[in-house]
Amino acid sequence: MTPVPASRPRRVALLTSARSWRGSGAVFAAVARALEARGHRTTALVAREEVAREFSARGVAAAVLPVARTGVRGARALRRALRSLGAEIVFADKARDVRLAALAFPLGGPAVVYCVSTPAPPRDPLTRLACRRVRVTVFLSDGLARRALARAPALRRAAARVIPNGVDCELFRPDAAAGRAFRARFGLGAGPLLVGVGALAPEKRWDLVVDAVARLGAARPPLVLCGAGPLADALAAQARASGVELQLPGPLEPAELVGAYNAATCVVHARPDEVFALALLEALACGRAVVAAAGGGTPELLGEAGALAPPGDAAAFARSLAALLDDAPRRARLEAAARRRAVERFSLERMTAEYAALVEALP
């Protein structure tokens, strides 16, 4: 469908001080492209060259500023950049970005849209004060909105919107051939296979997944964890010590991830406080059965299209995995429900349309 041009083009800055490419960056890039298609002008303002390169690779203009920390230098640089761009709206990724926007323009200035993507809402005094500059707060789920507004009253000053993340359901789709090619590439055979996608970082709890797979006994399937991070060596050592066949192919491009998801008998995800995991959305869109920790926004995301285990409990996670691996009809039902849920609720078109409507409704 060809986008309908906006009646009033806006200039939008997407501010993220993230130290590496994250799911929120991918969302910002998708939103930026959709806004550009409607005639708006967008620029990503980032703290790191590697993040700027990721935006550029996705067709989004990006500039690097000294905004990795809250401070006068960063605020001045941000003010100059926003004035140069003529920005009317700033999307803020992190609490630090909200603070910088408030320091840059204590009074007046561009409208700030705070996109909350962290499990715990910011409650420090400086951020509470900075939230006075926020015009709209966007939450990824109804549950996150309820919890955040209850725990951080400062967020109630702004209008609240719930806009769940979206996924490209044309790219991420059931593709048996891609799954077979992925298995062949990594010598994974035709038997059961577990796949996880995400940073190899402590908060993701891949150590719990390795522990759970080890508990499956001699028939345990291989595990593939797609991503990069500081725990790669520790996870490899844990897997060797516990007899788990683990492959760490590193971060994969989206087209490669399609193969990884489609190769999986089950996709695994153990972070206990995940707000709204893009990896799980991609797995749903590929029509995969999922076993995930029942914390954060994950139950709301999966609905009836996945199996949930108590967070932080490797034994329970192992039992959920074993039950699903042994029940092919149930996996087939979950696979059908997963694809249907992604298409009906979490399409990229729905997400970007809602962000475009938000932008175009701001005075």
Protein backbone atom coordinates (compact mmCIF):
# COMPACT_ATOMS: atom_id res chain seq x y z
CA MET A 1 0.00 0.00 0.00
CA THR A 2 1.39 3.42 -0.99
CA PRO A 3 1.64 5.76 2.06
CA VAL A 4 -0.65 8.80 2.01
CA PRO A 5 1.47 11.96 2.31
CA ALA A 6 0.96 13.95 5.50
CA SER A 7 -0.85 17.26 5.11
CA ARG A 8 1.80 18.96 7.24
CA PRO A 9 5.37 17.62 6.96
CA ARG A 10 7.19 17.53 10.30
CA ARG A 11 10.89 17.43 11.21
CA VAL A 12 11.59 14.64 13.66
CA ALA A 13 14.79 13.76 15.54
CA LEU A 14 15.28 10.27 16.98
CA LEU A 15 17.61 10.53 19.97
CA THR A 16 19.36 7.48 21.39
CA SER A 17 22.43 7.39 23.61
CA ALA A 18 22.57 3.57 23.44
CA ARG A 19 26.10 2.18 23.41
CA SER A 20 25.26 -0.51 20.86
CA TRP A 21 22.54 -1.42 18.38
CA ARG A 22 19.41 -2.45 20.26
CA GLY A 23 15.85 -3.39 19.49
CA SER A 24 14.76 0.18 20.16
CA GLY A 25 17.14 1.36 17.43
CA ALA A 26 15.54 -1.04 14.95
CA VAL A 27 12.12 0.32 15.93
CA PHE A 28 13.30 3.93 15.52
CA ALA A 29 14.71 3.08 12.07
CA ALA A 30 11.44 1.51 10.95
CA VAL A 31 9.46 4.49 12.24
CA ALA A 32 11.85 6.92 10.52
CA ARG A 33 11.45 5.18 7.16
CA ALA A 34 7.66 5.21 7.49
CA LEU A 35 7.64 8.90 8.39
CA GLU A 36 9.90 9.71 5.45
CA ALA A 37 7.50 7.85 3.15
CA ARG A 38 4.76 10.22 4.34
CA GLY A 39 6.84 13.31 3.58
CA HIS A 40 8.31 14.01 7.03
CA ARG A 41 12.03 14.57 7.60
CA THR A 42 13.87 12.44 10.13
CA THR A 43 17.40 12.28 11.55
CA ALA A 44 18.82 9.92 14.16
CA LEU A 45 21.03 11.63 16.77
CA VAL A 46 23.24 9.03 18.41
CA ALA A 47 26.15 8.65 20.80
CA ARG A 48 28.16 5.98 18.97
CA GLU A 49 29.56 5.59 15.46
CA GLU A 50 28.47 1.95 15.31
CA VAL A 51 24.87 2.94 16.01
CA ALA A 52 25.05 5.65 13.34
CA ARG A 53 26.27 3.04 10.85
CA GLU A 54 23.33 0.79 11.65
CA PHE A 55 20.86 3.63 11.04
CA SER A 56 22.62 4.56 7.79
CA ALA A 57 22.54 0.93 6.63
CA ARG A 58 18.76 1.08 7.05
CA GLY A 59 18.44 4.26 5.01
CA VAL A 60 18.10 6.68 7.94
CA ALA A 61 20.23 9.83 8.19
CA ALA A 62 22.30 9.87 11.38
CA ALA A 63 24.65 12.20 13.23
CA VAL A 64 26.95 11.41 16.16
CA LEU A 65 26.82 13.75 19.17
CA PRO A 66 28.52 13.69 22.62
CA VAL A 67 25.34 12.46 24.31
CA ALA A 68 26.56 9.26 25.98
CA ARG A 69 26.16 10.95 29.39
CA THR A 70 23.90 13.58 30.86
CA GLY A 71 25.82 16.84 30.99
CA VAL A 72 26.08 20.41 29.81
CA ARG A 73 28.35 19.55 26.87
CA GLY A 74 25.93 16.99 25.52
CA ALA A 75 22.94 19.28 26.09
CA ARG A 76 24.60 22.13 24.19
CA ALA A 77 25.52 19.86 21.30
CA LEU A 78 21.97 18.52 21.20
CA ARG A 79 20.50 22.03 21.24
CA ARG A 80 22.70 23.07 18.31
CA ALA A 81 21.80 19.94 16.35
CA LEU A 82 18.06 20.27 16.94
CA ARG A 83 18.10 23.94 15.97
CA SER A 84 20.10 23.16 12.84
CA LEU A 85 17.62 20.48 11.85
CA GLY A 86 14.64 22.65 12.71
CA ALA A 87 13.32 19.68 14.68
CA GLU A 88 9.78 20.05 15.99
CA ILE A 89 9.61 16.62 17.65
CA VAL A 90 12.23 14.53 19.49
CA PHE A 91 11.78 10.83 20.11
CA ALA A 92 13.76 9.89 23.23
CA ASP A 93 14.93 6.31 23.67
CA LYS A 94 16.29 6.28 27.24
CA ALA A 95 15.76 8.24 30.45
CA ARG A 96 19.16 9.86 29.80
CA ASP A 97 17.84 11.11 26.46
CA VAL A 98 14.85 12.70 28.16
CA ARG A 99 17.20 14.44 30.62
CA LEU A 100 19.39 15.72 27.78
CA ALA A 101 16.39 17.05 25.86
CA ALA A 102 15.20 18.86 28.98
CA LEU A 103 18.66 20.34 29.61
CA ALA A 104 18.90 21.41 25.98
CA PHE A 105 15.52 23.19 26.12
CA PRO A 106 14.40 23.79 29.72
CA LEU A 107 11.50 25.86 28.40
CA GLY A 108 9.80 25.46 25.05
CA GLY A 109 11.67 23.72 22.27
CA PRO A 110 10.68 20.57 20.38
CA ALA A 111 7.96 18.29 21.70
CA VAL A 112 9.49 15.29 23.45
CA VAL A 113 8.05 11.81 22.91
CA TYR A 114 9.50 9.36 25.45
CA CYS A 115 9.46 5.76 24.22
CA VAL A 116 9.80 3.64 27.37
CA SER A 117 11.56 0.33 26.71
CA THR A 118 13.02 -0.51 30.13
CA PRO A 119 11.45 -2.86 32.70
CA ALA A 120 11.66 -0.35 35.57
CA PRO A 121 10.49 3.24 35.05
CA PRO A 122 12.96 6.02 35.93
CA ARG A 123 12.38 7.49 39.38
CA ASP A 124 15.50 9.58 40.07
CA PRO A 125 14.91 13.27 40.84
CA LEU A 126 16.53 14.64 37.68
CA THR A 127 14.49 12.41 35.38
CA ARG A 128 11.30 13.21 37.30
CA LEU A 129 11.99 16.89 36.71
CA ALA A 130 12.90 16.30 33.05
CA CYS A 131 9.60 14.49 32.47
CA ARG A 132 7.90 17.87 32.68
CA ARG A 133 9.17 18.38 29.12
CA VAL A 134 7.61 15.15 27.82
CA ARG A 135 4.52 15.64 25.69
CA VAL A 136 3.68 11.98 25.06
CA THR A 137 4.92 8.79 26.72
CA VAL A 138 4.77 5.63 24.58
CA PHE A 139 4.62 2.24 26.29
CA LEU A 140 5.12 -1.10 24.55
CA SER A 141 2.35 -2.93 26.38
CA ASP A 142 -0.67 -2.29 28.56
CA GLY A 143 1.01 -4.05 31.47
CA LEU A 144 4.13 -1.89 31.23
CA ALA A 145 1.97 1.23 31.12
CA ARG A 146 0.05 0.23 34.25
CA ARG A 147 3.19 -0.66 36.21
CA ALA A 148 5.18 2.38 35.11
CA LEU A 149 2.42 4.89 35.76
CA ALA A 150 1.81 3.38 39.21
CA ARG A 151 5.49 3.41 40.20
CA ALA A 152 6.59 6.67 38.55
CA PRO A 153 3.89 9.34 39.00
CA ALA A 154 6.05 11.86 37.09
CA LEU A 155 5.20 9.99 33.89
CA ARG A 156 1.52 10.82 34.38
CA ARG A 157 2.09 14.44 33.41
CA ALA A 158 2.26 13.47 29.74
CA ALA A 159 -0.34 11.86 27.53
CA ALA A 160 0.13 8.08 27.47
CA ARG A 161 -0.04 5.83 24.42
CA VAL A 162 0.46 2.08 24.08
CA ILE A 163 2.13 1.14 20.79
CA PRO A 164 3.46 -2.43 20.73
CA ASN A 165 6.50 -3.15 18.62
CA GLY A 166 5.98 -4.55 15.15
CA VAL A 167 7.80 -6.95 12.87
CA ASP A 168 8.11 -7.25 9.10
CA CYS A 169 5.85 -10.25 8.51
CA GLU A 170 6.87 -10.43 4.85
CA LEU A 171 10.54 -10.88 5.75
CA PHE A 172 10.00 -12.94 8.91
CA ARG A 173 7.74 -15.74 7.71
CA PRO A 174 7.55 -19.54 7.68
CA ASP A 175 10.25 -20.72 5.27
CA ALA A 176 11.20 -24.40 5.52
CA ALA A 177 13.89 -24.08 2.85
CA ALA A 178 15.63 -21.30 4.78
CA GLY A 179 15.52 -23.47 7.89
CA ARG A 180 17.09 -26.42 6.07
CA ALA A 181 19.80 -24.17 4.63
CA PHE A 182 20.64 -22.85 8.11
CA ARG A 183 20.91 -26.37 9.50
CA ALA A 184 23.15 -27.44 6.62
CA ARG A 185 25.37 -24.40 7.02
CA PHE A 186 26.08 -25.21 10.67
CA GLY A 187 25.97 -29.02 10.41
CA LEU A 188 22.92 -29.31 12.67
CA GLY A 189 21.25 -32.38 11.16
CA ALA A 190 17.51 -33.00 11.03
CA GLY A 191 16.66 -33.66 14.69
CA PRO A 192 15.19 -31.34 17.34
CA LEU A 193 16.94 -27.98 17.65
CA LEU A 194 16.68 -25.09 20.11
CA VAL A 195 17.42 -21.52 19.00
CA GLY A 196 17.76 -18.32 21.02
CA VAL A 197 18.34 -14.83 19.65
CA GLY A 198 19.67 -11.85 21.61
CA ALA A 199 22.70 -10.26 23.20
CA LEU A 200 24.96 -12.64 25.10
CA ALA A 201 24.61 -10.50 28.21
CA PRO A 202 23.76 -11.32 31.84
CA GLU A 203 20.22 -9.95 31.77
CA LYS A 204 19.22 -12.36 28.98
CA ARG A 205 19.80 -15.39 31.28
CA TRP A 206 21.24 -17.68 28.61
CA ASP A 207 23.05 -19.42 31.46
CA LEU A 208 19.63 -20.59 32.68
CA VAL A 209 18.80 -21.88 29.19
CA VAL A 210 22.05 -23.87 29.04
CA ASP A 211 21.29 -25.26 32.51
CA ALA A 212 17.76 -26.20 31.43
CA VAL A 213 18.98 -27.97 28.28
CA ALA A 214 21.55 -29.90 30.32
CA ARG A 215 18.69 -31.20 32.47
CA LEU A 216 17.05 -32.83 29.44
CA GLY A 217 19.48 -35.74 29.65
CA ALA A 218 21.12 -37.75 26.91
CA ALA A 219 18.49 -36.83 24.31
CA ARG A 220 19.07 -33.09 24.76
CA PRO A 221 18.94 -31.21 21.43
CA PRO A 222 21.67 -28.86 20.20
CA LEU A 223 21.33 -25.21 21.20
CA VAL A 224 22.16 -22.27 18.92
CA LEU A 225 22.42 -18.77 20.44
CA CYS A 226 22.55 -16.02 17.82
CA GLY A 227 24.09 -12.83 19.14
CA ALA A 228 27.22 -11.24 20.53
CA GLY A 229 28.20 -10.08 23.99
CA PRO A 230 30.52 -10.41 26.95
CA LEU A 231 29.28 -13.83 28.05
CA ALA A 232 30.16 -15.77 24.89
CA ASP A 233 33.20 -17.50 26.38
CA ALA A 234 31.48 -18.20 29.72
CA LEU A 235 28.46 -19.74 27.99
CA ALA A 236 30.69 -21.91 25.81
CA ALA A 237 32.54 -23.13 28.90
CA GLN A 238 29.28 -23.82 30.75
CA ALA A 239 27.97 -25.81 27.79
CA ARG A 240 31.15 -27.91 27.56
CA ALA A 241 31.06 -28.66 31.27
CA SER A 242 27.39 -29.71 31.19
CA GLY A 243 27.46 -31.72 27.97
CA VAL A 244 25.31 -29.30 25.93
CA GLU A 245 26.07 -29.00 22.22
CA LEU A 246 26.18 -25.21 21.82
CA GLN A 247 26.85 -23.16 18.70
CA LEU A 248 27.47 -19.40 18.84
CA PRO A 249 27.31 -18.09 15.26
CA GLY A 250 27.47 -14.47 16.42
CA PRO A 251 25.07 -11.71 15.36
CA LEU A 252 23.19 -12.51 12.16
CA GLU A 253 21.65 -10.31 9.51
CA PRO A 254 17.82 -10.37 9.33
CA ALA A 255 17.74 -12.71 6.33
CA GLU A 256 20.02 -15.13 8.20
CA LEU A 257 17.82 -14.91 11.28
CA VAL A 258 14.86 -16.03 9.19
CA GLY A 259 16.78 -19.24 8.57
CA ALA A 260 17.69 -19.60 12.24
CA TYR A 261 14.10 -19.25 13.42
CA ASN A 262 12.79 -21.63 10.77
CA ALA A 263 15.44 -24.20 11.69
CA ALA A 264 14.24 -24.24 15.30
CA THR A 265 12.02 -26.90 16.78
CA CYS A 266 11.57 -24.46 19.66
CA VAL A 267 12.74 -20.89 20.16
CA VAL A 268 13.89 -20.21 23.73
CA HIS A 269 13.92 -16.95 25.68
CA ALA A 270 14.65 -16.68 29.41
CA ARG A 271 14.99 -13.01 30.34
CA PRO A 272 12.63 -12.60 33.33
CA ASP A 273 11.83 -8.91 32.88
CA GLU A 274 11.85 -8.48 29.09
CA VAL A 275 9.60 -5.58 28.15
CA PHE A 276 8.71 -6.59 24.60
CA ALA A 277 11.30 -8.74 22.83
CA LEU A 278 11.71 -8.20 19.10
CA ALA A 279 13.26 -11.67 18.91
CA LEU A 280 10.00 -13.18 20.14
CA LEU A 281 8.00 -11.16 17.62
CA GLU A 282 10.27 -12.42 14.85
CA ALA A 283 9.88 -16.00 16.09
CA LEU A 284 6.08 -15.64 16.10
CA ALA A 285 6.12 -14.21 12.58
CA CYS A 286 8.18 -17.22 11.44
CA GLY A 287 5.54 -19.48 12.96
CA ARG A 288 7.76 -21.05 15.59
CA ALA A 289 6.88 -22.67 18.90
CA VAL A 290 8.33 -20.68 21.81
CA VAL A 291 9.28 -21.49 25.39
CA ALA A 292 9.88 -18.30 27.39
CA ALA A 293 10.12 -17.01 30.93
CA ALA A 294 6.77 -15.68 32.15
CA GLY A 295 7.95 -12.24 33.21
CA GLY A 296 7.80 -8.64 32.06
CA GLY A 297 5.74 -8.13 28.92
CA THR A 298 6.32 -11.63 27.54
CA PRO A 299 2.97 -13.17 28.60
CA GLU A 300 1.12 -10.27 26.98
CA LEU A 301 3.22 -10.60 23.84
CA LEU A 302 2.81 -14.37 23.43
CA GLY A 303 -0.78 -14.77 24.56
CA GLU A 304 -1.84 -18.35 23.78
CA ALA A 305 0.86 -18.70 21.10
CA GLY A 306 3.71 -19.85 23.35
CA ALA A 307 4.64 -21.93 26.39
CA LEU A 308 5.63 -20.07 29.58
CA ALA A 309 7.86 -21.17 32.45
CA PRO A 310 8.32 -19.47 35.84
CA PRO A 311 11.13 -16.90 35.59
CA GLY A 312 14.50 -17.83 37.04
CA ASP A 313 13.69 -21.55 37.39
CA ALA A 314 15.92 -23.77 35.21
CA ALA A 315 14.16 -26.98 36.29
CA ALA A 316 10.74 -25.61 35.34
CA PHE A 317 12.11 -24.30 32.05
CA ALA A 318 13.51 -27.77 31.33
CA ARG A 319 10.12 -29.36 32.07
CA SER A 320 8.37 -26.92 29.70
CA LEU A 321 10.92 -27.69 26.99
CA ALA A 322 10.63 -31.45 27.44
CA ALA A 323 6.83 -31.34 27.32
CA LEU A 324 6.82 -29.32 24.10
CA LEU A 325 9.56 -31.33 22.39
CA ASP A 326 7.58 -34.51 23.10
CA ASP A 327 4.27 -33.16 21.78
CA ALA A 328 4.33 -32.57 18.02
CA PRO A 329 0.58 -31.82 17.71
CA ARG A 330 0.85 -29.12 20.38
CA ARG A 331 3.87 -27.60 18.61
CA ALA A 332 1.89 -27.50 15.37
CA ARG A 333 -0.98 -25.70 17.11
CA LEU A 334 1.42 -23.17 18.64
CA GLU A 335 3.15 -22.61 15.29
CA ALA A 336 -0.15 -21.78 13.59
CA ALA A 337 -1.22 -19.53 16.46
CA ALA A 338 2.17 -17.78 16.45
CA ARG A 339 2.02 -16.76 12.80
CA ARG A 340 -1.61 -15.69 13.10
CA ARG A 341 -0.88 -13.57 16.19
CA ALA A 342 2.08 -11.82 14.57
CA VAL A 343 0.14 -10.92 11.42
CA GLU A 344 -3.01 -9.82 13.23
CA ARG A 345 -1.47 -7.90 16.14
CA PHE A 346 2.19 -7.09 15.58
CA SER A 347 2.73 -6.12 11.97
CA LEU A 348 5.27 -3.45 11.10
CA GLU A 349 2.58 -1.59 9.16
CA ARG A 350 0.36 -1.33 12.24
CA MET A 351 3.21 -0.06 14.44
CA THR A 352 4.49 2.56 12.00
CA ALA A 353 0.96 3.77 11.21
CA GLU A 354 0.35 4.36 14.92
CA TYR A 355 3.60 6.31 15.29
CA ALA A 356 2.79 8.36 12.19
CA ALA A 357 -0.64 9.18 13.62
CA LEU A 358 1.01 10.26 16.88
CA VAL A 359 3.46 12.56 15.07
CA GLU A 360 0.77 14.09 12.89
CA ALA A 361 -1.56 14.72 15.83
CA LEU A 362 0.99 16.79 17.77
CA PRO A 363 0.32 20.53 17.52
